[in-house]
Amino acid sequence: MSLVIEAESPPLRMSEGGVVRVGGTRVSLDSIIIAFQQGDSPESIAEQFPAVPLADVFAVVSYYLRHRAEVEAYLVEREQAEEAVRKKCAERFPQEGLREKLLARRNSQSQS
């Protein structure tokens, strides 16, 4: 018997929204890498994300370790995009006085 060694692509795909996902799941590359950066083992990460097989977690971590600069740049872009969305939401839906408005609405409804 002979061992056939062949290169495999990492189980990563780009979703329609521009988010890199792991395999056929909705788990993002960000989620796996952030957990790994926080010191979680691949086994622990696979437990956190049951939809992702352990082999895929190892493949994603391996891809990250081999392409660290590119993945880090992607993570920074994602964080900047998320921050822009947070700012836009904060401008559109200001939080100042929200509690008071909600309490006033509740009081007016209870008096009716």
N, C-alpha and C. Protein backbone atom coordinates (compact mmCIF):
# COMPACT_ATOMS: atom_id res chain seq x y z
N MET A 1 0.85 -1.17 0.00
CA MET A 1 0.00 0.00 0.00
C MET A 1 0.90 1.23 0.00
N SER A 2 0.51 2.21 -0.80
CA SER A 2 1.29 3.43 -0.82
C SER A 2 0.41 4.61 -0.39
N LEU A 3 1.02 5.52 0.26
CA LEU A 3 0.32 6.71 0.75
C LEU A 3 0.32 7.75 -0.36
N VAL A 4 -0.85 8.23 -0.68
CA VAL A 4 -0.98 9.27 -1.70
C VAL A 4 -1.03 10.61 -0.98
N ILE A 5 -0.07 11.46 -1.27
CA ILE A 5 -0.01 12.77 -0.65
C ILE A 5 -0.44 13.80 -1.68
N GLU A 6 -1.47 14.51 -1.34
CA GLU A 6 -1.94 15.55 -2.24
C GLU A 6 -2.32 16.79 -1.45
N ALA A 7 -2.15 17.92 -2.08
CA ALA A 7 -2.47 19.20 -1.43
C ALA A 7 -3.98 19.38 -1.36
N GLU A 8 -4.43 19.88 -0.24
CA GLU A 8 -5.85 20.17 -0.07
C GLU A 8 -6.02 21.66 0.18
N SER A 9 -7.07 22.20 -0.38
CA SER A 9 -7.39 23.60 -0.14
C SER A 9 -7.97 23.73 1.26
N PRO A 10 -7.76 24.89 1.90
CA PRO A 10 -8.36 25.07 3.22
C PRO A 10 -9.88 25.13 3.08
N PRO A 11 -10.60 24.67 4.09
CA PRO A 11 -12.06 24.66 4.02
C PRO A 11 -12.65 26.05 4.26
N LEU A 12 -12.31 26.97 3.39
CA LEU A 12 -12.77 28.36 3.54
C LEU A 12 -13.50 28.79 2.28
N ARG A 13 -14.51 29.61 2.46
CA ARG A 13 -15.25 30.16 1.32
C ARG A 13 -15.68 31.58 1.65
N MET A 14 -15.85 32.37 0.63
CA MET A 14 -16.31 33.74 0.79
C MET A 14 -17.82 33.77 0.63
N SER A 15 -18.53 34.28 1.63
CA SER A 15 -19.99 34.37 1.55
C SER A 15 -20.38 35.56 0.69
N GLU A 16 -21.65 35.64 0.36
CA GLU A 16 -22.14 36.76 -0.45
C GLU A 16 -21.89 38.10 0.21
N GLY A 17 -21.90 38.13 1.53
CA GLY A 17 -21.68 39.37 2.26
C GLY A 17 -20.21 39.73 2.43
N GLY A 18 -19.31 38.93 1.84
CA GLY A 18 -17.89 39.22 1.94
C GLY A 18 -17.23 38.71 3.20
N VAL A 19 -17.90 37.78 3.89
CA VAL A 19 -17.36 37.19 5.12
C VAL A 19 -16.79 35.82 4.78
N VAL A 20 -15.58 35.55 5.25
CA VAL A 20 -14.99 34.23 5.02
C VAL A 20 -15.60 33.26 6.03
N ARG A 21 -16.19 32.17 5.51
CA ARG A 21 -16.85 31.15 6.32
C ARG A 21 -16.06 29.85 6.24
N VAL A 22 -16.24 29.01 7.24
CA VAL A 22 -15.54 27.73 7.32
C VAL A 22 -16.42 26.65 6.72
N GLY A 23 -15.91 26.00 5.68
CA GLY A 23 -16.63 24.91 5.02
C GLY A 23 -18.02 25.32 4.61
N GLY A 24 -18.97 24.43 4.80
CA GLY A 24 -20.35 24.71 4.45
C GLY A 24 -21.14 25.30 5.60
N THR A 25 -20.44 25.78 6.63
CA THR A 25 -21.12 26.31 7.82
C THR A 25 -21.25 27.82 7.74
N ARG A 26 -21.92 28.38 8.73
CA ARG A 26 -22.01 29.84 8.85
C ARG A 26 -20.96 30.37 9.83
N VAL A 27 -20.10 29.49 10.32
CA VAL A 27 -19.06 29.90 11.26
C VAL A 27 -18.02 30.70 10.49
N SER A 28 -17.68 31.88 11.01
CA SER A 28 -16.74 32.74 10.31
C SER A 28 -15.29 32.40 10.65
N LEU A 29 -14.42 32.73 9.72
CA LEU A 29 -12.98 32.60 9.95
C LEU A 29 -12.60 33.38 11.20
N ASP A 30 -13.19 34.55 11.36
CA ASP A 30 -12.92 35.41 12.52
C ASP A 30 -13.12 34.65 13.82
N SER A 31 -14.24 33.93 13.92
CA SER A 31 -14.57 33.22 15.15
C SER A 31 -13.51 32.19 15.51
N ILE A 32 -13.07 31.43 14.53
CA ILE A 32 -12.07 30.39 14.77
C ILE A 32 -10.74 31.02 15.16
N ILE A 33 -10.31 32.03 14.42
CA ILE A 33 -8.99 32.63 14.67
C ILE A 33 -8.98 33.39 15.99
N ILE A 34 -10.02 34.11 16.31
CA ILE A 34 -10.06 34.84 17.58
C ILE A 34 -9.99 33.86 18.75
N ALA A 35 -10.72 32.76 18.66
CA ALA A 35 -10.65 31.75 19.72
C ALA A 35 -9.23 31.20 19.84
N PHE A 36 -8.60 30.94 18.71
CA PHE A 36 -7.22 30.42 18.72
C PHE A 36 -6.27 31.46 19.32
N GLN A 37 -6.43 32.72 18.96
CA GLN A 37 -5.58 33.78 19.50
C GLN A 37 -5.76 33.95 21.00
N GLN A 38 -6.93 33.61 21.50
CA GLN A 38 -7.21 33.71 22.93
C GLN A 38 -6.69 32.50 23.69
N GLY A 39 -6.05 31.58 22.98
CA GLY A 39 -5.43 30.44 23.63
C GLY A 39 -6.23 29.15 23.61
N ASP A 40 -7.38 29.16 22.94
CA ASP A 40 -8.18 27.94 22.86
C ASP A 40 -7.48 26.92 21.95
N SER A 41 -7.55 25.67 22.33
CA SER A 41 -6.99 24.60 21.51
C SER A 41 -7.95 24.29 20.37
N PRO A 42 -7.46 23.67 19.30
CA PRO A 42 -8.38 23.27 18.23
C PRO A 42 -9.51 22.38 18.73
N GLU A 43 -9.23 21.50 19.68
CA GLU A 43 -10.27 20.64 20.23
C GLU A 43 -11.34 21.47 20.94
N SER A 44 -10.91 22.46 21.70
CA SER A 44 -11.84 23.34 22.40
C SER A 44 -12.66 24.16 21.40
N ILE A 45 -12.01 24.62 20.35
CA ILE A 45 -12.72 25.39 19.31
C ILE A 45 -13.77 24.52 18.64
N ALA A 46 -13.42 23.27 18.34
CA ALA A 46 -14.38 22.36 17.72
C ALA A 46 -15.57 22.11 18.64
N GLU A 47 -15.35 22.10 19.95
CA GLU A 47 -16.46 21.96 20.90
C GLU A 47 -17.35 23.20 20.90
N GLN A 48 -16.73 24.38 20.76
CA GLN A 48 -17.49 25.63 20.74
C GLN A 48 -18.34 25.75 19.48
N PHE A 49 -17.84 25.18 18.38
CA PHE A 49 -18.52 25.27 17.09
C PHE A 49 -18.75 23.86 16.55
N PRO A 50 -19.78 23.17 17.05
CA PRO A 50 -20.00 21.78 16.68
C PRO A 50 -20.22 21.54 15.19
N ALA A 51 -20.61 22.57 14.46
CA ALA A 51 -20.82 22.41 13.01
C ALA A 51 -19.50 22.26 12.25
N VAL A 52 -18.38 22.64 12.90
CA VAL A 52 -17.08 22.60 12.25
C VAL A 52 -16.32 21.36 12.73
N PRO A 53 -16.02 20.43 11.81
CA PRO A 53 -15.25 19.24 12.21
C PRO A 53 -13.86 19.63 12.72
N LEU A 54 -13.33 18.83 13.63
CA LEU A 54 -12.01 19.09 14.20
C LEU A 54 -10.95 19.23 13.11
N ALA A 55 -11.00 18.39 12.10
CA ALA A 55 -10.01 18.47 11.02
C ALA A 55 -10.07 19.83 10.33
N ASP A 56 -11.27 20.39 10.17
CA ASP A 56 -11.40 21.71 9.55
C ASP A 56 -10.83 22.80 10.45
N VAL A 57 -11.01 22.66 11.76
CA VAL A 57 -10.43 23.63 12.69
C VAL A 57 -8.90 23.62 12.54
N PHE A 58 -8.32 22.43 12.54
CA PHE A 58 -6.87 22.33 12.36
C PHE A 58 -6.45 22.93 11.03
N ALA A 59 -7.21 22.67 9.96
CA ALA A 59 -6.87 23.20 8.64
C ALA A 59 -6.92 24.72 8.63
N VAL A 60 -7.94 25.29 9.29
CA VAL A 60 -8.07 26.76 9.34
C VAL A 60 -6.94 27.37 10.15
N VAL A 61 -6.61 26.77 11.29
CA VAL A 61 -5.51 27.27 12.10
C VAL A 61 -4.20 27.15 11.32
N SER A 62 -4.01 26.05 10.63
CA SER A 62 -2.80 25.88 9.81
C SER A 62 -2.73 26.96 8.73
N TYR A 63 -3.86 27.22 8.08
CA TYR A 63 -3.89 28.28 7.05
C TYR A 63 -3.52 29.61 7.68
N TYR A 64 -4.08 29.90 8.83
CA TYR A 64 -3.76 31.15 9.53
C TYR A 64 -2.26 31.25 9.82
N LEU A 65 -1.68 30.18 10.35
CA LEU A 65 -0.26 30.21 10.70
C LEU A 65 0.63 30.37 9.47
N ARG A 66 0.19 29.87 8.34
CA ARG A 66 0.97 30.00 7.10
C ARG A 66 0.71 31.33 6.37
N HIS A 67 -0.39 31.97 6.66
CA HIS A 67 -0.77 33.22 5.98
C HIS A 67 -1.17 34.28 6.99
N ARG A 68 -0.39 34.37 8.03
CA ARG A 68 -0.74 35.24 9.15
C ARG A 68 -0.96 36.69 8.74
N ALA A 69 -0.08 37.25 7.93
CA ALA A 69 -0.20 38.66 7.55
C ALA A 69 -1.50 38.92 6.80
N GLU A 70 -1.85 38.05 5.87
CA GLU A 70 -3.07 38.24 5.09
C GLU A 70 -4.31 38.08 5.97
N VAL A 71 -4.31 37.09 6.84
CA VAL A 71 -5.47 36.87 7.71
C VAL A 71 -5.60 38.03 8.70
N GLU A 72 -4.48 38.49 9.26
CA GLU A 72 -4.53 39.62 10.18
C GLU A 72 -5.09 40.86 9.49
N ALA A 73 -4.67 41.10 8.23
CA ALA A 73 -5.19 42.24 7.48
C ALA A 73 -6.69 42.10 7.25
N TYR A 74 -7.13 40.89 6.94
CA TYR A 74 -8.57 40.63 6.77
C TYR A 74 -9.32 40.91 8.06
N LEU A 75 -8.77 40.45 9.19
CA LEU A 75 -9.43 40.67 10.48
C LEU A 75 -9.53 42.16 10.81
N VAL A 76 -8.50 42.91 10.49
CA VAL A 76 -8.53 44.36 10.72
C VAL A 76 -9.61 45.01 9.85
N GLU A 77 -9.69 44.60 8.59
CA GLU A 77 -10.73 45.12 7.70
C GLU A 77 -12.13 44.82 8.25
N ARG A 78 -12.32 43.60 8.73
CA ARG A 78 -13.62 43.21 9.28
C ARG A 78 -13.95 44.04 10.51
N GLU A 79 -12.97 44.25 11.38
CA GLU A 79 -13.20 45.05 12.59
C GLU A 79 -13.56 46.49 12.22
N GLN A 80 -12.88 47.05 11.22
CA GLN A 80 -13.18 48.41 10.78
C GLN A 80 -14.59 48.49 10.19
N ALA A 81 -14.98 47.49 9.43
CA ALA A 81 -16.32 47.47 8.84
C ALA A 81 -17.37 47.36 9.94
N GLU A 82 -17.12 46.53 10.94
CA GLU A 82 -18.05 46.39 12.06
C GLU A 82 -18.17 47.70 12.83
N GLU A 83 -17.06 48.37 13.03
CA GLU A 83 -17.07 49.65 13.75
C GLU A 83 -17.87 50.69 12.97
N ALA A 84 -17.74 50.70 11.65
CA ALA A 84 -18.49 51.64 10.82
C ALA A 84 -19.99 51.38 10.96
N VAL A 85 -20.39 50.12 10.99
CA VAL A 85 -21.81 49.77 11.16
C VAL A 85 -22.29 50.20 12.54
N ARG A 86 -21.47 49.97 13.57
CA ARG A 86 -21.86 50.39 14.93
C ARG A 86 -22.07 51.90 14.99
N LYS A 87 -21.16 52.66 14.37
CA LYS A 87 -21.29 54.12 14.38
C LYS A 87 -22.55 54.56 13.65
N LYS A 88 -22.81 53.93 12.51
CA LYS A 88 -23.99 54.28 11.73
C LYS A 88 -25.25 54.01 12.53
N CYS A 89 -25.30 52.87 13.21
CA CYS A 89 -26.47 52.53 14.04
C CYS A 89 -26.61 53.51 15.20
N ALA A 90 -25.49 53.88 15.81
CA ALA A 90 -25.54 54.81 16.94
C ALA A 90 -26.04 56.18 16.50
N GLU A 91 -25.66 56.60 15.28
CA GLU A 91 -26.13 57.88 14.76
C GLU A 91 -27.62 57.81 14.42
N ARG A 92 -28.02 56.69 13.86
CA ARG A 92 -29.40 56.55 13.43
C ARG A 92 -30.34 56.31 14.60
N PHE A 93 -29.86 55.59 15.61
CA PHE A 93 -30.67 55.27 16.77
C PHE A 93 -29.93 55.68 18.04
N PRO A 94 -29.92 56.98 18.34
CA PRO A 94 -29.17 57.44 19.51
C PRO A 94 -29.68 56.83 20.81
N GLN A 95 -28.77 56.53 21.71
CA GLN A 95 -29.11 55.89 22.97
C GLN A 95 -29.42 56.90 24.08
N GLU A 96 -29.05 58.16 23.89
CA GLU A 96 -29.28 59.16 24.92
C GLU A 96 -30.78 59.30 25.19
N GLY A 97 -31.15 59.19 26.44
CA GLY A 97 -32.53 59.37 26.83
C GLY A 97 -33.44 58.19 26.49
N LEU A 98 -32.87 57.12 25.97
CA LEU A 98 -33.68 55.98 25.56
C LEU A 98 -34.41 55.35 26.74
N ARG A 99 -33.70 55.18 27.84
CA ARG A 99 -34.33 54.57 29.02
C ARG A 99 -35.53 55.39 29.49
N GLU A 100 -35.34 56.71 29.52
CA GLU A 100 -36.43 57.59 29.96
C GLU A 100 -37.62 57.50 29.02
N LYS A 101 -37.36 57.44 27.71
CA LYS A 101 -38.44 57.33 26.73
C LYS A 101 -39.21 56.02 26.92
N LEU A 102 -38.48 54.94 27.14
CA LEU A 102 -39.12 53.64 27.33
C LEU A 102 -39.95 53.60 28.61
N LEU A 103 -39.40 54.18 29.68
CA LEU A 103 -40.14 54.23 30.94
C LEU A 103 -41.40 55.09 30.80
N ALA A 104 -41.29 56.20 30.09
CA ALA A 104 -42.45 57.07 29.88
C ALA A 104 -43.50 56.34 29.07
N ARG A 105 -43.09 55.60 28.04
CA ARG A 105 -44.04 54.85 27.22
C ARG A 105 -44.73 53.78 28.06
N ARG A 106 -43.96 53.09 28.90
CA ARG A 106 -44.54 52.05 29.73
C ARG A 106 -45.55 52.66 30.71
N ASN A 107 -45.19 53.80 31.30
CA ASN A 107 -46.09 54.46 32.24
C ASN A 107 -47.37 54.91 31.56
N SER A 108 -47.26 55.45 30.36
CA SER A 108 -48.46 55.93 29.64
C SER A 108 -49.34 54.75 29.24
N GLN A 109 -48.75 53.61 28.91
CA GLN A 109 -49.54 52.43 28.54
C GLN A 109 -50.21 51.82 29.76
N SER A 110 -49.55 51.87 30.90
CA SER A 110 -50.15 51.29 32.11
C SER A 110 -51.28 52.17 32.65
N GLN A 111 -51.25 53.47 32.32
CA GLN A 111 -52.30 54.38 32.78
C GLN A 111 -53.53 54.32 31.87
N SER A 112 -53.38 53.73 30.71
CA SER A 112 -54.50 53.66 29.76
C SER A 112 -55.46 52.56 30.08
